[in-house]
């Protein structure tokens, strides 16, 4: 989450909204988001409904969900999806910003 948080201003300048979905309860999300001053929106998914919708995998060896990064356009279509194979397998901000820029260029 730190990577997205660190580059939050660049995402916001492009009109991107960052949503973080996790297996936590609403109270847990609120406590963590407040303590860490995370500017993104946290969506609790303790029943794993959203994770199932996007086919996010769970690894028993990693003790949780593997990273999934999606860029969804304004029409609700997934335009980019990265399914991590380990907890550290997360695209960098530059990659995500490039995809957002390409989508913006193609819509002009």
Protein backbone atom coordinates (compact mmCIF):
# COMPACT_ATOMS: atom_id res chain seq x y z
CA UNK A 1 0.00 0.00 0.00
CA UNK A 2 2.91 2.34 0.68
CA UNK A 3 3.79 2.53 -3.00
CA UNK A 4 0.36 3.78 -3.98
CA UNK A 5 0.23 6.07 -0.98
CA UNK A 6 3.60 7.59 -1.87
CA UNK A 7 2.45 8.34 -5.41
CA UNK A 8 -1.12 9.25 -4.53
CA UNK A 9 -0.82 12.85 -5.80
CA UNK A 10 0.20 11.64 -9.26
CA UNK A 11 -2.80 9.32 -9.45
CA UNK A 12 -5.13 12.06 -8.22
CA UNK A 13 -3.79 14.52 -10.83
CA UNK A 14 -4.90 12.04 -13.49
CA UNK A 15 -8.36 11.69 -11.99
CA UNK A 16 -7.69 8.13 -10.84
CA UNK A 17 -9.40 6.84 -7.73
CA UNK A 18 -7.56 4.19 -5.73
CA UNK A 19 -9.61 1.56 -3.96
CA UNK A 20 -7.97 -1.00 -1.72
CA UNK A 21 -9.99 -4.11 -0.99
CA UNK A 22 -8.95 -6.36 1.84
CA UNK A 23 -10.22 -9.21 3.99
CA UNK A 24 -10.48 -6.94 7.01
CA UNK A 25 -13.61 -5.78 8.80
CA UNK A 26 -14.83 -2.19 8.45
CA UNK A 27 -13.58 -1.36 11.97
CA UNK A 28 -10.16 -2.80 11.21
CA UNK A 29 -9.89 -0.84 7.97
CA UNK A 30 -10.94 2.40 9.65
CA UNK A 31 -8.42 1.97 12.46
CA UNK A 32 -5.52 1.14 10.12
CA UNK A 33 -6.37 3.79 7.52
CA UNK A 34 -6.60 6.45 10.23
CA UNK A 35 -3.39 5.42 11.99
CA UNK A 36 -1.40 5.23 8.75
CA UNK A 37 -3.04 8.32 7.18
CA UNK A 38 -3.76 6.45 3.94
CA UNK A 39 -5.46 8.71 1.39
CA UNK A 40 -6.98 5.83 -0.60
CA UNK A 41 -10.40 4.34 -0.05
CA UNK A 42 -10.39 1.08 1.89
CA UNK A 43 -13.15 -1.42 1.22
CA UNK A 44 -13.64 -4.23 3.71
CA UNK A 45 -14.27 -7.66 2.20
CA UNK A 46 -14.25 -10.08 5.13
CA UNK A 47 -16.59 -12.49 3.33
CA UNK A 48 -14.32 -12.47 0.22
CA UNK A 49 -17.15 -11.55 -2.18
CA UNK A 50 -15.16 -8.92 -4.08
CA UNK A 51 -12.09 -11.16 -4.13
CA UNK A 52 -14.16 -13.94 -5.68
CA UNK A 53 -15.66 -11.58 -8.26
CA UNK A 54 -12.18 -10.63 -9.51
CA UNK A 55 -10.72 -14.13 -9.07
CA UNK A 56 -8.16 -12.97 -6.53
CA UNK A 57 -6.14 -15.94 -5.37
CA UNK A 58 -5.37 -16.92 -1.81
CA UNK A 59 -2.06 -18.51 -0.90
CA UNK A 60 -1.90 -20.62 2.22
CA UNK A 61 1.89 -20.20 2.17
CA UNK A 62 1.55 -16.41 2.17
CA UNK A 63 -1.22 -16.53 4.76
CA UNK A 64 -3.61 -14.45 2.72
CA UNK A 65 -4.68 -13.02 -0.57
CA UNK A 66 -2.13 -12.53 -3.29
CA UNK A 67 -1.90 -8.99 -4.69
CA UNK A 68 -4.30 -8.06 -7.46
CA UNK A 69 -4.05 -4.69 -9.18
CA UNK A 70 -6.75 -3.65 -11.65
CA UNK A 71 -7.32 -0.48 -13.59
CA UNK A 72 -10.99 -0.07 -14.39
CA UNK A 73 -12.18 2.54 -16.88
CA UNK A 74 -15.13 4.86 -16.39
CA UNK A 75 -17.43 2.36 -18.12
CA UNK A 76 -16.51 -0.28 -15.53
CA UNK A 77 -14.32 -2.40 -17.82
CA UNK A 78 -11.08 -3.86 -16.52
CA UNK A 79 -8.38 -2.40 -18.76
CA UNK A 80 -5.37 -3.74 -16.86
CA UNK A 81 -5.05 -6.60 -14.39
CA UNK A 82 -1.97 -7.87 -12.62
CA UNK A 83 -2.34 -11.02 -10.54
CA UNK A 84 0.62 -11.27 -8.18
CA UNK A 85 2.36 -14.59 -7.63
CA UNK A 86 3.80 -13.51 -4.27
CA UNK A 87 3.06 -10.85 -1.66
CA UNK A 88 5.86 -8.68 -3.11
CA UNK A 89 4.66 -9.00 -6.72
CA UNK A 90 3.07 -5.58 -7.10
CA UNK A 91 3.45 -3.34 -10.17
CA UNK A 92 5.29 -0.09 -9.56
CA UNK A 93 3.53 3.26 -9.80
CA UNK A 94 5.23 4.10 -13.10
CA UNK A 95 3.66 1.04 -14.75
CA UNK A 96 0.21 1.90 -13.43
CA UNK A 97 0.51 5.58 -14.36
CA UNK A 98 1.61 4.63 -17.89
CA UNK A 99 -1.51 2.49 -18.31
CA UNK A 100 -3.68 5.35 -17.06
CA UNK A 101 -1.96 7.77 -19.44
CA UNK A 102 -2.42 5.40 -22.38
CA UNK A 103 -6.12 5.04 -21.58
CA UNK A 104 -6.48 8.83 -21.39
CA UNK A 105 -4.64 9.27 -24.71
CA UNK A 106 -6.81 6.68 -26.43
CA UNK A 107 -10.01 8.36 -25.28
CA UNK A 108 -9.05 11.76 -26.75
